[in-house]
Amino acid sequence: MKKSKRMALIRRLAVQTEKKQAVLLGQAQQKLNREHLQLEQLEQYLSSYNDQTENWSHTHISSQTLQEFSSFIVQLKHAIGEQNKNIGLVRQHLNAQKKRWIDSNNKVKIIDKYIEKLVKNETRLESRQEQQMIEDLISNYGSQGWK
């Protein structure tokens, strides 16, 4: 079996790995998108509650209700902070996955170039062998004469 054919098997494995890494990259991007969406929802929720407190300034509310509401706002801000941290971690994971995909994609490209070089060399060698065979036949016919 020619070396280029053997390398084609290795290429097939590298392509499978690259496809797997691409799927994982897509999943990581989707997770980041979901995390951003969750952050936006939390921020909208906070904004809505802040708007509500402005409306309360014109009404009489018990101090206990105000205290509970204030405590809830603090918890909501804490949740937003935690979500921002989570987004940072998910982004790090996405970047690491992107690097793995790029590396596997580069391996496929390197293998492709190597296979191309092997095929050229094999073709060149076959041409030389054919040429040598033709020259040998002509030489044999020439020495024996055309009978």
N, C-alpha and C. Protein backbone atom coordinates (compact mmCIF):
# COMPACT_ATOMS: atom_id res chain seq x y z
N MET A 1 0.85 -1.18 0.00
CA MET A 1 0.00 0.00 0.00
C MET A 1 0.90 1.24 0.00
N LYS A 2 0.54 2.18 -0.85
CA LYS A 2 1.32 3.40 -0.96
C LYS A 2 1.19 4.21 0.33
N LYS A 3 2.25 4.95 0.57
CA LYS A 3 2.27 5.76 1.78
C LYS A 3 1.14 6.80 1.78
N SER A 4 0.81 7.35 0.63
CA SER A 4 -0.27 8.33 0.55
C SER A 4 -1.60 7.69 0.94
N LYS A 5 -1.80 6.43 0.60
CA LYS A 5 -3.04 5.72 0.96
C LYS A 5 -3.09 5.49 2.48
N ARG A 6 -1.95 5.13 3.05
CA ARG A 6 -1.90 4.94 4.51
C ARG A 6 -2.18 6.25 5.23
N MET A 7 -1.64 7.34 4.69
CA MET A 7 -1.86 8.65 5.30
C MET A 7 -3.32 9.09 5.16
N ALA A 8 -4.00 8.62 4.13
CA ALA A 8 -5.42 8.95 3.96
C ALA A 8 -6.24 8.41 5.13
N LEU A 9 -5.83 7.26 5.66
CA LEU A 9 -6.50 6.71 6.84
C LEU A 9 -6.28 7.60 8.06
N ILE A 10 -5.07 8.08 8.20
CA ILE A 10 -4.74 8.99 9.32
C ILE A 10 -5.52 10.29 9.15
N ARG A 11 -5.63 10.75 7.91
CA ARG A 11 -6.38 11.98 7.64
C ARG A 11 -7.84 11.82 8.06
N ARG A 12 -8.41 10.67 7.74
CA ARG A 12 -9.81 10.40 8.08
C ARG A 12 -10.01 10.51 9.59
N LEU A 13 -9.08 9.97 10.36
CA LEU A 13 -9.16 10.07 11.82
C LEU A 13 -9.03 11.53 12.28
N ALA A 14 -8.13 12.26 11.65
CA ALA A 14 -7.93 13.68 12.01
C ALA A 14 -9.18 14.50 11.69
N VAL A 15 -9.82 14.19 10.57
CA VAL A 15 -11.05 14.90 10.19
C VAL A 15 -12.16 14.59 11.19
N GLN A 16 -12.25 13.35 11.64
CA GLN A 16 -13.26 12.99 12.65
C GLN A 16 -13.03 13.77 13.93
N THR A 17 -11.78 13.87 14.35
CA THR A 17 -11.44 14.63 15.55
C THR A 17 -11.78 16.10 15.37
N GLU A 18 -11.47 16.63 14.20
CA GLU A 18 -11.76 18.05 13.93
C GLU A 18 -13.26 18.32 13.96
N LYS A 19 -14.05 17.40 13.40
CA LYS A 19 -15.50 17.56 13.41
C LYS A 19 -16.04 17.51 14.84
N LYS A 20 -15.50 16.60 15.63
CA LYS A 20 -15.92 16.49 17.04
C LYS A 20 -15.61 17.80 17.78
N GLN A 21 -14.42 18.35 17.54
CA GLN A 21 -14.02 19.60 18.18
C GLN A 21 -14.92 20.75 17.72
N ALA A 22 -15.34 20.73 16.45
CA ALA A 22 -16.22 21.77 15.93
C ALA A 22 -17.59 21.70 16.61
N VAL A 23 -18.10 20.49 16.83
CA VAL A 23 -19.39 20.32 17.52
C VAL A 23 -19.28 20.83 18.94
N LEU A 24 -18.19 20.47 19.61
CA LEU A 24 -17.98 20.93 20.99
C LEU A 24 -17.86 22.45 21.05
N LEU A 25 -17.22 23.03 20.05
CA LEU A 25 -17.10 24.49 19.98
C LEU A 25 -18.49 25.12 19.83
N GLY A 26 -19.31 24.56 18.98
CA GLY A 26 -20.67 25.06 18.80
C GLY A 26 -21.47 24.97 20.09
N GLN A 27 -21.31 23.86 20.80
CA GLN A 27 -22.02 23.70 22.07
C GLN A 27 -21.55 24.72 23.10
N ALA A 28 -20.25 24.97 23.13
CA ALA A 28 -19.71 25.96 24.07
C ALA A 28 -20.23 27.36 23.74
N GLN A 29 -20.33 27.67 22.45
CA GLN A 29 -20.86 28.98 22.05
C GLN A 29 -22.33 29.10 22.44
N GLN A 30 -23.09 28.04 22.26
CA GLN A 30 -24.50 28.06 22.65
C GLN A 30 -24.65 28.26 24.15
N LYS A 31 -23.78 27.63 24.92
CA LYS A 31 -23.83 27.79 26.39
C LYS A 31 -23.53 29.24 26.76
N LEU A 32 -22.55 29.84 26.12
CA LEU A 32 -22.24 31.24 26.39
C LEU A 32 -23.43 32.13 26.04
N ASN A 33 -24.07 31.85 24.93
CA ASN A 33 -25.25 32.62 24.53
C ASN A 33 -26.36 32.50 25.58
N ARG A 34 -26.57 31.27 26.09
CA ARG A 34 -27.60 31.07 27.12
C ARG A 34 -27.26 31.83 28.40
N GLU A 35 -25.98 31.82 28.75
CA GLU A 35 -25.55 32.53 29.97
C GLU A 35 -25.76 34.04 29.82
N HIS A 36 -25.47 34.56 28.63
CA HIS A 36 -25.69 35.99 28.38
C HIS A 36 -27.18 36.32 28.45
N LEU A 37 -27.99 35.45 27.92
CA LEU A 37 -29.44 35.64 27.96
C LEU A 37 -29.94 35.67 29.41
N GLN A 38 -29.41 34.76 30.21
CA GLN A 38 -29.80 34.73 31.61
C GLN A 38 -29.39 36.02 32.32
N LEU A 39 -28.19 36.52 32.01
CA LEU A 39 -27.73 37.78 32.59
C LEU A 39 -28.66 38.93 32.19
N GLU A 40 -29.02 38.97 30.91
CA GLU A 40 -29.93 40.02 30.44
C GLU A 40 -31.27 39.95 31.18
N GLN A 41 -31.76 38.75 31.41
CA GLN A 41 -33.03 38.59 32.12
C GLN A 41 -32.91 39.10 33.56
N LEU A 42 -31.81 38.78 34.20
CA LEU A 42 -31.59 39.26 35.57
C LEU A 42 -31.52 40.79 35.60
N GLU A 43 -30.81 41.35 34.64
CA GLU A 43 -30.68 42.81 34.59
C GLU A 43 -32.02 43.49 34.29
N GLN A 44 -32.81 42.88 33.44
CA GLN A 44 -34.15 43.43 33.16
C GLN A 44 -35.03 43.34 34.40
N TYR A 45 -34.90 42.24 35.11
CA TYR A 45 -35.65 42.05 36.34
C TYR A 45 -35.27 43.14 37.36
N LEU A 46 -33.97 43.40 37.49
CA LEU A 46 -33.50 44.43 38.41
C LEU A 46 -34.01 45.80 37.98
N SER A 47 -33.93 46.07 36.70
CA SER A 47 -34.41 47.35 36.19
C SER A 47 -35.90 47.54 36.47
N SER A 48 -36.64 46.47 36.29
CA SER A 48 -38.07 46.52 36.55
C SER A 48 -38.35 46.81 38.03
N TYR A 49 -37.59 46.17 38.90
CA TYR A 49 -37.78 46.42 40.34
C TYR A 49 -37.34 47.82 40.72
N ASN A 50 -36.27 48.30 40.10
CA ASN A 50 -35.84 49.67 40.38
C ASN A 50 -36.90 50.68 39.94
N ASP A 51 -37.52 50.43 38.78
CA ASP A 51 -38.60 51.30 38.32
C ASP A 51 -39.77 51.27 39.30
N GLN A 52 -40.02 50.10 39.84
CA GLN A 52 -41.12 49.94 40.80
C GLN A 52 -40.85 50.74 42.07
N THR A 53 -39.59 50.78 42.50
CA THR A 53 -39.27 51.53 43.73
C THR A 53 -39.46 53.02 43.50
N GLU A 54 -39.20 53.49 42.30
CA GLU A 54 -39.43 54.90 42.00
C GLU A 54 -40.92 55.24 42.10
N ASN A 55 -41.75 54.33 41.70
CA ASN A 55 -43.20 54.53 41.80
C ASN A 55 -43.66 54.50 43.26
N TRP A 56 -42.94 53.80 44.09
CA TRP A 56 -43.31 53.70 45.49
C TRP A 56 -43.04 54.99 46.25
N SER A 57 -42.19 55.83 45.70
CA SER A 57 -41.85 57.06 46.42
C SER A 57 -43.07 57.95 46.62
N HIS A 58 -44.10 57.74 45.83
CA HIS A 58 -45.32 58.53 45.94
C HIS A 58 -46.38 57.86 46.81
N THR A 59 -46.09 56.65 47.28
CA THR A 59 -47.05 55.93 48.11
C THR A 59 -46.43 55.62 49.46
N HIS A 60 -47.27 55.24 50.37
CA HIS A 60 -46.80 54.86 51.71
C HIS A 60 -46.63 53.36 51.79
N ILE A 61 -45.42 52.95 52.13
CA ILE A 61 -45.09 51.53 52.23
C ILE A 61 -44.49 51.29 53.60
N SER A 62 -44.79 50.14 54.16
CA SER A 62 -44.25 49.83 55.49
C SER A 62 -42.74 49.66 55.41
N SER A 63 -42.11 49.91 56.51
CA SER A 63 -40.64 49.78 56.55
C SER A 63 -40.22 48.33 56.35
N GLN A 64 -41.03 47.40 56.83
CA GLN A 64 -40.71 45.98 56.66
C GLN A 64 -40.75 45.62 55.17
N THR A 65 -41.76 46.07 54.44
CA THR A 65 -41.86 45.79 53.01
C THR A 65 -40.68 46.40 52.27
N LEU A 66 -40.33 47.62 52.66
CA LEU A 66 -39.19 48.30 52.05
C LEU A 66 -37.89 47.56 52.34
N GLN A 67 -37.76 47.07 53.57
CA GLN A 67 -36.56 46.32 53.96
C GLN A 67 -36.48 45.00 53.17
N GLU A 68 -37.59 44.29 53.06
CA GLU A 68 -37.61 43.03 52.30
C GLU A 68 -37.29 43.29 50.83
N PHE A 69 -37.84 44.34 50.32
CA PHE A 69 -37.60 44.69 48.93
C PHE A 69 -36.13 45.05 48.72
N SER A 70 -35.58 45.81 49.64
CA SER A 70 -34.17 46.19 49.56
C SER A 70 -33.27 44.96 49.64
N SER A 71 -33.62 44.04 50.52
CA SER A 71 -32.84 42.80 50.66
C SER A 71 -32.90 42.00 49.35
N PHE A 72 -34.09 41.97 48.74
CA PHE A 72 -34.25 41.25 47.47
C PHE A 72 -33.38 41.88 46.38
N ILE A 73 -33.35 43.20 46.34
CA ILE A 73 -32.53 43.91 45.34
C ILE A 73 -31.05 43.57 45.53
N VAL A 74 -30.61 43.53 46.79
CA VAL A 74 -29.21 43.16 47.07
C VAL A 74 -28.93 41.75 46.57
N GLN A 75 -29.86 40.83 46.83
CA GLN A 75 -29.68 39.44 46.37
C GLN A 75 -29.66 39.38 44.84
N LEU A 76 -30.50 40.15 44.22
CA LEU A 76 -30.55 40.19 42.76
C LEU A 76 -29.24 40.74 42.18
N LYS A 77 -28.70 41.78 42.80
CA LYS A 77 -27.41 42.32 42.35
C LYS A 77 -26.29 41.30 42.55
N HIS A 78 -26.38 40.56 43.65
CA HIS A 78 -25.38 39.51 43.91
C HIS A 78 -25.49 38.43 42.82
N ALA A 79 -26.72 38.05 42.47
CA ALA A 79 -26.93 37.04 41.43
C ALA A 79 -26.37 37.54 40.09
N ILE A 80 -26.52 38.81 39.80
CA ILE A 80 -25.98 39.39 38.57
C ILE A 80 -24.45 39.31 38.59
N GLY A 81 -23.86 39.61 39.72
CA GLY A 81 -22.40 39.50 39.85
C GLY A 81 -21.92 38.07 39.65
N GLU A 82 -22.64 37.11 40.25
CA GLU A 82 -22.28 35.70 40.08
C GLU A 82 -22.45 35.26 38.63
N GLN A 83 -23.48 35.76 37.99
CA GLN A 83 -23.71 35.41 36.59
C GLN A 83 -22.58 35.97 35.71
N ASN A 84 -22.12 37.16 36.02
CA ASN A 84 -20.98 37.73 35.28
C ASN A 84 -19.73 36.87 35.46
N LYS A 85 -19.50 36.38 36.69
CA LYS A 85 -18.36 35.49 36.92
C LYS A 85 -18.52 34.20 36.12
N ASN A 86 -19.74 33.67 36.12
CA ASN A 86 -20.03 32.45 35.38
C ASN A 86 -19.78 32.65 33.90
N ILE A 87 -20.18 33.79 33.38
CA ILE A 87 -19.95 34.10 31.96
C ILE A 87 -18.45 34.11 31.66
N GLY A 88 -17.68 34.66 32.59
CA GLY A 88 -16.22 34.67 32.41
C GLY A 88 -15.66 33.26 32.32
N LEU A 89 -16.14 32.37 33.18
CA LEU A 89 -15.67 30.98 33.15
C LEU A 89 -16.10 30.27 31.87
N VAL A 90 -17.34 30.50 31.46
CA VAL A 90 -17.84 29.88 30.23
C VAL A 90 -17.06 30.41 29.03
N ARG A 91 -16.73 31.70 29.04
CA ARG A 91 -15.95 32.29 27.96
C ARG A 91 -14.55 31.67 27.92
N GLN A 92 -13.95 31.42 29.09
CA GLN A 92 -12.63 30.76 29.12
C GLN A 92 -12.73 29.37 28.50
N HIS A 93 -13.79 28.65 28.86
CA HIS A 93 -13.99 27.32 28.30
C HIS A 93 -14.17 27.40 26.78
N LEU A 94 -14.93 28.37 26.33
CA LEU A 94 -15.14 28.57 24.89
C LEU A 94 -13.81 28.84 24.19
N ASN A 95 -13.00 29.71 24.75
CA ASN A 95 -11.71 30.03 24.14
C ASN A 95 -10.79 28.81 24.10
N ALA A 96 -10.82 28.01 25.16
CA ALA A 96 -10.00 26.79 25.18
C ALA A 96 -10.50 25.81 24.11
N GLN A 97 -11.82 25.70 23.98
CA GLN A 97 -12.39 24.80 22.97
C GLN A 97 -12.08 25.31 21.57
N LYS A 98 -12.12 26.61 21.39
CA LYS A 98 -11.79 27.19 20.09
C LYS A 98 -10.35 26.87 19.72
N LYS A 99 -9.45 26.93 20.70
CA LYS A 99 -8.04 26.59 20.45
C LYS A 99 -7.90 25.12 20.07
N ARG A 100 -8.64 24.25 20.76
CA ARG A 100 -8.58 22.81 20.42
C ARG A 100 -9.08 22.58 18.99
N TRP A 101 -10.16 23.29 18.61
CA TRP A 101 -10.67 23.13 17.25
C TRP A 101 -9.66 23.64 16.23
N ILE A 102 -9.08 24.80 16.49
CA ILE A 102 -8.08 25.37 15.57
C ILE A 102 -6.90 24.41 15.42
N ASP A 103 -6.44 23.85 16.55
CA ASP A 103 -5.33 22.90 16.49
C ASP A 103 -5.67 21.67 15.65
N SER A 104 -6.87 21.13 15.86
CA SER A 104 -7.25 19.94 15.09
C SER A 104 -7.45 20.28 13.62
N ASN A 105 -7.97 21.46 13.34
CA ASN A 105 -8.14 21.91 11.95
C ASN A 105 -6.78 22.08 11.28
N ASN A 106 -5.83 22.64 12.01
CA ASN A 106 -4.47 22.81 11.47
C ASN A 106 -3.81 21.47 11.19
N LYS A 107 -4.07 20.47 12.05
CA LYS A 107 -3.52 19.13 11.82
C LYS A 107 -4.03 18.56 10.51
N VAL A 108 -5.32 18.74 10.25
CA VAL A 108 -5.89 18.24 9.00
C VAL A 108 -5.22 18.92 7.81
N LYS A 109 -5.01 20.23 7.91
CA LYS A 109 -4.36 20.96 6.82
C LYS A 109 -2.93 20.47 6.60
N ILE A 110 -2.22 20.23 7.68
CA ILE A 110 -0.84 19.74 7.57
C ILE A 110 -0.82 18.36 6.91
N ILE A 111 -1.72 17.50 7.34
CA ILE A 111 -1.81 16.15 6.76
C ILE A 111 -2.15 16.25 5.28
N ASP A 112 -3.08 17.15 4.93
CA ASP A 112 -3.44 17.33 3.51
C ASP A 112 -2.22 17.74 2.68
N LYS A 113 -1.45 18.68 3.19
CA LYS A 113 -0.25 19.11 2.46
C LYS A 113 0.75 17.97 2.33
N TYR A 114 0.90 17.20 3.39
CA TYR A 114 1.84 16.08 3.36
C TYR A 114 1.39 15.03 2.35
N ILE A 115 0.10 14.72 2.34
CA ILE A 115 -0.43 13.74 1.38
C ILE A 115 -0.22 14.25 -0.04
N GLU A 116 -0.47 15.52 -0.26
CA GLU A 116 -0.26 16.11 -1.60
C GLU A 116 1.19 15.94 -2.04
N LYS A 117 2.10 16.17 -1.12
CA LYS A 117 3.52 16.02 -1.42
C LYS A 117 3.84 14.55 -1.72
N LEU A 118 3.28 13.65 -0.93
CA LEU A 118 3.51 12.22 -1.17
C LEU A 118 3.00 11.79 -2.54
N VAL A 119 1.80 12.25 -2.89
CA VAL A 119 1.20 11.88 -4.19
C VAL A 119 2.08 12.40 -5.32
N LYS A 120 2.58 13.62 -5.22
CA LYS A 120 3.47 14.16 -6.25
C LYS A 120 4.72 13.31 -6.39
N ASN A 121 5.30 12.96 -5.24
CA ASN A 121 6.52 12.14 -5.26
C ASN A 121 6.25 10.75 -5.83
N GLU A 122 5.11 10.16 -5.44
CA GLU A 122 4.77 8.84 -5.96
C GLU A 122 4.51 8.90 -7.47
N THR A 123 3.85 9.94 -7.92
CA THR A 123 3.59 10.10 -9.35
C THR A 123 4.89 10.28 -10.11
N ARG A 124 5.77 11.10 -9.56
CA ARG A 124 7.08 11.32 -10.19
C ARG A 124 7.86 10.01 -10.27
N LEU A 125 7.85 9.23 -9.21
CA LEU A 125 8.57 7.96 -9.18
C LEU A 125 7.97 6.98 -10.20
N GLU A 126 6.64 6.92 -10.27
CA GLU A 126 5.99 6.04 -11.25
C GLU A 126 6.36 6.45 -12.67
N SER A 127 6.40 7.75 -12.93
CA SER A 127 6.77 8.23 -14.26
C SER A 127 8.20 7.83 -14.60
N ARG A 128 9.08 7.97 -13.64
CA ARG A 128 10.48 7.56 -13.89
C ARG A 128 10.57 6.06 -14.17
N GLN A 129 9.83 5.28 -13.39
CA GLN A 129 9.87 3.83 -13.58
C GLN A 129 9.32 3.46 -14.96
N GLU A 130 8.22 4.10 -15.36
CA GLU A 130 7.65 3.83 -16.68
C GLU A 130 8.65 4.22 -17.78
N GLN A 131 9.27 5.38 -17.59
CA GLN A 131 10.24 5.84 -18.58
C GLN A 131 11.42 4.87 -18.66
N GLN A 132 11.87 4.39 -17.51
CA GLN A 132 12.98 3.43 -17.48
C GLN A 132 12.58 2.13 -18.16
N MET A 133 11.34 1.69 -17.94
CA MET A 133 10.85 0.47 -18.56
C MET A 133 10.80 0.63 -20.09
N ILE A 134 10.32 1.77 -20.54
CA ILE A 134 10.26 2.03 -21.99
C ILE A 134 11.67 2.04 -22.57
N GLU A 135 12.59 2.69 -21.89
CA GLU A 135 13.98 2.75 -22.39
C GLU A 135 14.60 1.37 -22.42
N ASP A 136 14.29 0.54 -21.42
CA ASP A 136 14.82 -0.83 -21.40
C ASP A 136 14.26 -1.66 -22.55
N LEU A 137 12.94 -1.49 -22.81
CA LEU A 137 12.33 -2.20 -23.93
C LEU A 137 12.95 -1.78 -25.25
N ILE A 138 13.12 -0.50 -25.43
CA ILE A 138 13.73 0.01 -26.67
C ILE A 138 15.15 -0.49 -26.79
N SER A 139 15.86 -0.49 -25.67
CA SER A 139 17.24 -0.95 -25.68
C SER A 139 17.31 -2.44 -26.04
N ASN A 140 16.40 -3.25 -25.47
CA ASN A 140 16.37 -4.69 -25.77
C ASN A 140 16.02 -4.93 -27.22
N TYR A 141 15.03 -4.21 -27.73
CA TYR A 141 14.65 -4.37 -29.15
C TYR A 141 15.77 -3.89 -30.06
N GLY A 142 16.43 -2.83 -29.63
CA GLY A 142 17.51 -2.30 -30.46
C GLY A 142 18.69 -3.24 -30.54
N SER A 143 19.01 -3.90 -29.43
CA SER A 143 20.17 -4.81 -29.43
C SER A 143 19.85 -6.12 -30.16
N GLN A 144 18.58 -6.53 -30.15
CA GLN A 144 18.20 -7.77 -30.82
C GLN A 144 17.80 -7.52 -32.27
N GLY A 145 17.60 -6.26 -32.56
CA GLY A 145 17.19 -5.94 -33.93
C GLY A 145 15.68 -6.09 -34.07
N TRP A 146 15.16 -5.53 -35.11
CA TRP A 146 13.70 -5.58 -35.34
C TRP A 146 13.38 -6.79 -36.18
N LYS A 147 13.05 -7.82 -35.65
CA LYS A 147 12.82 -9.07 -36.37
C LYS A 147 11.39 -9.27 -36.66
